[in-house]
């Protein structure tokens, strides 16, 4: 985030910078604490805010500072290489409504040690 910028303004700006698209309907879907632990000590910690959008305008960049851009089929998203916690995030955004909160604990090389999610997606009464 840049100084004075809201979270929603930051996601809109970052998405445009990295893809060329201007998001029209960014909706907050998840808030997570990410914690890196080594030798039973917290090495770093940060927050991750996940937004979902269905409307955008603009032209896709040929090349992004973040790497090659490629549209992916929704049913194949969680089979792409990513941190294990990110798979939980995508499952929530693609399969459920509402806002999810959570905490993920990783090793420095992003091996998932533990996590908690609210609502718990394994509880059918909470994950609707």
C-alpha atoms as a PDB file:
ATOM      1  CA  UNK A   1       0.000   0.000   0.000  1.00  0.00           C
ATOM      2  CA  UNK A   2       1.081   3.507  -0.659  1.00  0.00           C
ATOM      3  CA  UNK A   3       0.832   6.278   1.913  1.00  0.00           C
ATOM      4  CA  UNK A   4      -2.760   7.431   2.408  1.00  0.00           C
ATOM      5  CA  UNK A   5      -4.168   4.644   0.243  1.00  0.00           C
ATOM      6  CA  UNK A   6      -7.083   2.444   1.342  1.00  0.00           C
ATOM      7  CA  UNK A   7      -6.891  -1.327   0.919  1.00  0.00           C
ATOM      8  CA  UNK A   8      -9.452  -1.187  -1.897  1.00  0.00           C
ATOM      9  CA  UNK A   9      -7.548   1.619  -3.640  1.00  0.00           C
ATOM     10  CA  UNK A  10      -4.342  -0.412  -3.321  1.00  0.00           C
ATOM     11  CA  UNK A  11      -5.838  -3.546  -4.889  1.00  0.00           C
ATOM     12  CA  UNK A  12      -7.325  -1.512  -7.737  1.00  0.00           C
ATOM     13  CA  UNK A  13      -3.997   0.221  -8.411  1.00  0.00           C
ATOM     14  CA  UNK A  14      -1.903  -2.954  -8.091  1.00  0.00           C
ATOM     15  CA  UNK A  15      -4.213  -4.942 -10.359  1.00  0.00           C
ATOM     16  CA  UNK A  16      -4.036  -2.240 -13.022  1.00  0.00           C
ATOM     17  CA  UNK A  17      -0.235  -1.960 -12.754  1.00  0.00           C
ATOM     18  CA  UNK A  18       0.238  -5.738 -13.001  1.00  0.00           C
ATOM     19  CA  UNK A  19      -2.431  -6.630 -15.600  1.00  0.00           C
ATOM     20  CA  UNK A  20      -3.530  -3.482 -17.437  1.00  0.00           C
ATOM     21  CA  UNK A  21      -7.133  -3.962 -16.262  1.00  0.00           C
ATOM     22  CA  UNK A  22      -9.131  -1.486 -14.167  1.00  0.00           C
ATOM     23  CA  UNK A  23     -11.269  -3.420 -11.668  1.00  0.00           C
ATOM     24  CA  UNK A  24     -14.814  -2.053 -11.414  1.00  0.00           C
ATOM     25  CA  UNK A  25     -16.301  -4.091  -8.545  1.00  0.00           C
ATOM     26  CA  UNK A  26     -13.582  -5.226  -6.117  1.00  0.00           C
ATOM     27  CA  UNK A  27     -15.165  -6.991  -3.143  1.00  0.00           C
ATOM     28  CA  UNK A  28     -13.229  -8.038  -0.029  1.00  0.00           C
ATOM     29  CA  UNK A  29     -13.458 -11.833   0.352  1.00  0.00           C
ATOM     30  CA  UNK A  30     -10.702 -12.828   2.791  1.00  0.00           C
ATOM     31  CA  UNK A  31      -8.357 -11.416   5.430  1.00  0.00           C
ATOM     32  CA  UNK A  32      -5.420 -13.543   6.542  1.00  0.00           C
ATOM     33  CA  UNK A  33      -2.441 -13.281   8.864  1.00  0.00           C
ATOM     34  CA  UNK A  34       0.627 -14.957   7.386  1.00  0.00           C
ATOM     35  CA  UNK A  35       3.292 -15.981   9.901  1.00  0.00           C
ATOM     36  CA  UNK A  36       6.755 -17.348   9.089  1.00  0.00           C
ATOM     37  CA  UNK A  37       8.211 -19.477  11.897  1.00  0.00           C
ATOM     38  CA  UNK A  38      11.755 -20.796  12.191  1.00  0.00           C
ATOM     39  CA  UNK A  39      13.230 -22.489  15.270  1.00  0.00           C
ATOM     40  CA  UNK A  40       9.944 -21.860  17.134  1.00  0.00           C
ATOM     41  CA  UNK A  41      10.321 -18.084  16.636  1.00  0.00           C
ATOM     42  CA  UNK A  42       8.290 -15.749  14.467  1.00  0.00           C
ATOM     43  CA  UNK A  43      10.587 -14.490  11.703  1.00  0.00           C
ATOM     44  CA  UNK A  44       8.035 -12.341   9.890  1.00  0.00           C
ATOM     45  CA  UNK A  45       4.331 -11.659   9.820  1.00  0.00           C
ATOM     46  CA  UNK A  46       2.033  -9.809   7.458  1.00  0.00           C
ATOM     47  CA  UNK A  47      -1.599  -9.420   6.499  1.00  0.00           C
ATOM     48  CA  UNK A  48      -3.060 -10.509   3.173  1.00  0.00           C
ATOM     49  CA  UNK A  49      -6.339  -9.072   1.891  1.00  0.00           C
ATOM     50  CA  UNK A  50      -8.044 -10.961  -0.938  1.00  0.00           C
ATOM     51  CA  UNK A  51     -10.537  -9.335  -3.264  1.00  0.00           C
ATOM     52  CA  UNK A  52     -12.765 -10.786  -5.955  1.00  0.00           C
ATOM     53  CA  UNK A  53     -13.951  -8.917  -9.034  1.00  0.00           C
ATOM     54  CA  UNK A  54     -16.127  -9.854 -11.983  1.00  0.00           C
ATOM     55  CA  UNK A  55     -16.097  -6.568 -13.892  1.00  0.00           C
ATOM     56  CA  UNK A  56     -13.096  -4.834 -15.389  1.00  0.00           C
ATOM     57  CA  UNK A  57     -12.065  -2.749 -18.375  1.00  0.00           C
ATOM     58  CA  UNK A  58      -8.863  -2.150 -20.261  1.00  0.00           C
ATOM     59  CA  UNK A  59      -6.371  -4.123 -22.289  1.00  0.00           C
ATOM     60  CA  UNK A  60      -4.240  -6.926 -20.860  1.00  0.00           C
ATOM     61  CA  UNK A  61      -0.554  -6.080 -20.681  1.00  0.00           C
ATOM     62  CA  UNK A  62       1.711  -8.007 -23.027  1.00  0.00           C
ATOM     63  CA  UNK A  63       4.154  -8.533 -20.162  1.00  0.00           C
ATOM     64  CA  UNK A  64       3.892  -7.848 -16.440  1.00  0.00           C
ATOM     65  CA  UNK A  65       6.609  -7.083 -13.880  1.00  0.00           C
ATOM     66  CA  UNK A  66       5.121 -10.039 -11.956  1.00  0.00           C
ATOM     67  CA  UNK A  67       5.668 -12.524 -14.815  1.00  0.00           C
ATOM     68  CA  UNK A  68       3.700 -13.960 -17.713  1.00  0.00           C
ATOM     69  CA  UNK A  69      -0.052 -13.450 -17.637  1.00  0.00           C
ATOM     70  CA  UNK A  70      -2.314 -16.291 -18.708  1.00  0.00           C
ATOM     71  CA  UNK A  71      -6.017 -16.895 -18.194  1.00  0.00           C
ATOM     72  CA  UNK A  72      -6.688 -20.148 -16.333  1.00  0.00           C
ATOM     73  CA  UNK A  73      -9.851 -22.291 -16.202  1.00  0.00           C
ATOM     74  CA  UNK A  74     -11.490 -21.812 -12.791  1.00  0.00           C
ATOM     75  CA  UNK A  75     -11.685 -25.555 -12.159  1.00  0.00           C
ATOM     76  CA  UNK A  76      -7.898 -25.837 -12.553  1.00  0.00           C
ATOM     77  CA  UNK A  77      -6.821 -22.918 -10.330  1.00  0.00           C
ATOM     78  CA  UNK A  78      -6.014 -25.018  -7.253  1.00  0.00           C
ATOM     79  CA  UNK A  79      -3.865 -27.416  -9.287  1.00  0.00           C
ATOM     80  CA  UNK A  80      -1.418 -24.606 -10.151  1.00  0.00           C
ATOM     81  CA  UNK A  81       1.805 -24.271  -8.119  1.00  0.00           C
ATOM     82  CA  UNK A  82       1.076 -22.158  -5.024  1.00  0.00           C
ATOM     83  CA  UNK A  83       1.394 -22.145  -1.256  1.00  0.00           C
ATOM     84  CA  UNK A  84      -0.997 -24.643   0.340  1.00  0.00           C
ATOM     85  CA  UNK A  85      -2.858 -21.873   2.168  1.00  0.00           C
ATOM     86  CA  UNK A  86      -3.574 -20.136  -1.133  1.00  0.00           C
ATOM     87  CA  UNK A  87      -5.503 -23.225  -2.229  1.00  0.00           C
ATOM     88  CA  UNK A  88      -7.786 -22.785   0.803  1.00  0.00           C
ATOM     89  CA  UNK A  89      -8.289 -19.158  -0.180  1.00  0.00           C
ATOM     90  CA  UNK A  90      -9.211 -19.975  -3.786  1.00  0.00           C
ATOM     91  CA  UNK A  91     -11.612 -22.720  -2.696  1.00  0.00           C
ATOM     92  CA  UNK A  92     -13.404 -20.238  -0.456  1.00  0.00           C
ATOM     93  CA  UNK A  93     -13.624 -17.493  -3.079  1.00  0.00           C
ATOM     94  CA  UNK A  94     -14.750 -19.845  -5.852  1.00  0.00           C
ATOM     95  CA  UNK A  95     -17.143 -22.064  -3.876  1.00  0.00           C
ATOM     96  CA  UNK A  96     -18.580 -19.956  -1.030  1.00  0.00           C
ATOM     97  CA  UNK A  97     -20.066 -16.566  -0.313  1.00  0.00           C
ATOM     98  CA  UNK A  98     -19.042 -14.173   2.407  1.00  0.00           C
ATOM     99  CA  UNK A  99     -15.847 -13.113   4.080  1.00  0.00           C
ATOM    100  CA  UNK A 100     -13.257 -15.544   5.454  1.00  0.00           C
ATOM    101  CA  UNK A 101     -10.640 -14.841   8.114  1.00  0.00           C
ATOM    102  CA  UNK A 102      -7.635 -16.973   8.900  1.00  0.00           C
ATOM    103  CA  UNK A 103      -4.080 -17.419  10.077  1.00  0.00           C
ATOM    104  CA  UNK A 104      -1.437 -19.489   8.289  1.00  0.00           C
ATOM    105  CA  UNK A 105       1.865 -20.565   9.840  1.00  0.00           C
ATOM    106  CA  UNK A 106       4.661 -21.436   7.394  1.00  0.00           C
ATOM    107  CA  UNK A 107       8.334 -22.342   7.439  1.00  0.00           C
ATOM    108  CA  UNK A 108      10.660 -19.864   5.645  1.00  0.00           C
ATOM    109  CA  UNK A 109      10.343 -22.003   2.480  1.00  0.00           C
ATOM    110  CA  UNK A 110       6.518 -21.901   2.729  1.00  0.00           C
ATOM    111  CA  UNK A 111       5.843 -25.386   4.020  1.00  0.00           C
ATOM    112  CA  UNK A 112       2.481 -25.105   5.751  1.00  0.00           C
ATOM    113  CA  UNK A 113       2.797 -25.850   9.479  1.00  0.00           C
ATOM    114  CA  UNK A 114      -0.740 -25.067  10.632  1.00  0.00           C
ATOM    115  CA  UNK A 115      -3.735 -22.890   9.909  1.00  0.00           C
ATOM    116  CA  UNK A 116      -7.126 -21.788  11.237  1.00  0.00           C
ATOM    117  CA  UNK A 117     -10.022 -20.528   9.176  1.00  0.00           C
ATOM    118  CA  UNK A 118     -13.224 -18.736  10.156  1.00  0.00           C
ATOM    119  CA  UNK A 119     -15.643 -19.838   8.921  1.00  0.00           C
ATOM    120  CA  UNK A 120     -14.270 -23.365   8.933  1.00  0.00           C
ATOM    121  CA  UNK A 121     -14.893 -24.776   5.423  1.00  0.00           C
ATOM    122  CA  UNK A 122     -15.071 -28.324   6.806  1.00  0.00           C
ATOM    123  CA  UNK A 123     -18.138 -27.320   8.871  1.00  0.00           C
ATOM    124  CA  UNK A 124     -21.116 -27.330   6.462  1.00  0.00           C
ATOM    125  CA  UNK A 125     -23.120 -25.023   8.756  1.00  0.00           C
ATOM    126  CA  UNK A 126     -20.413 -22.324   8.628  1.00  0.00           C
ATOM    127  CA  UNK A 127     -19.230 -22.486   5.017  1.00  0.00           C
ATOM    128  CA  UNK A 128     -22.385 -21.471   3.135  1.00  0.00           C
END
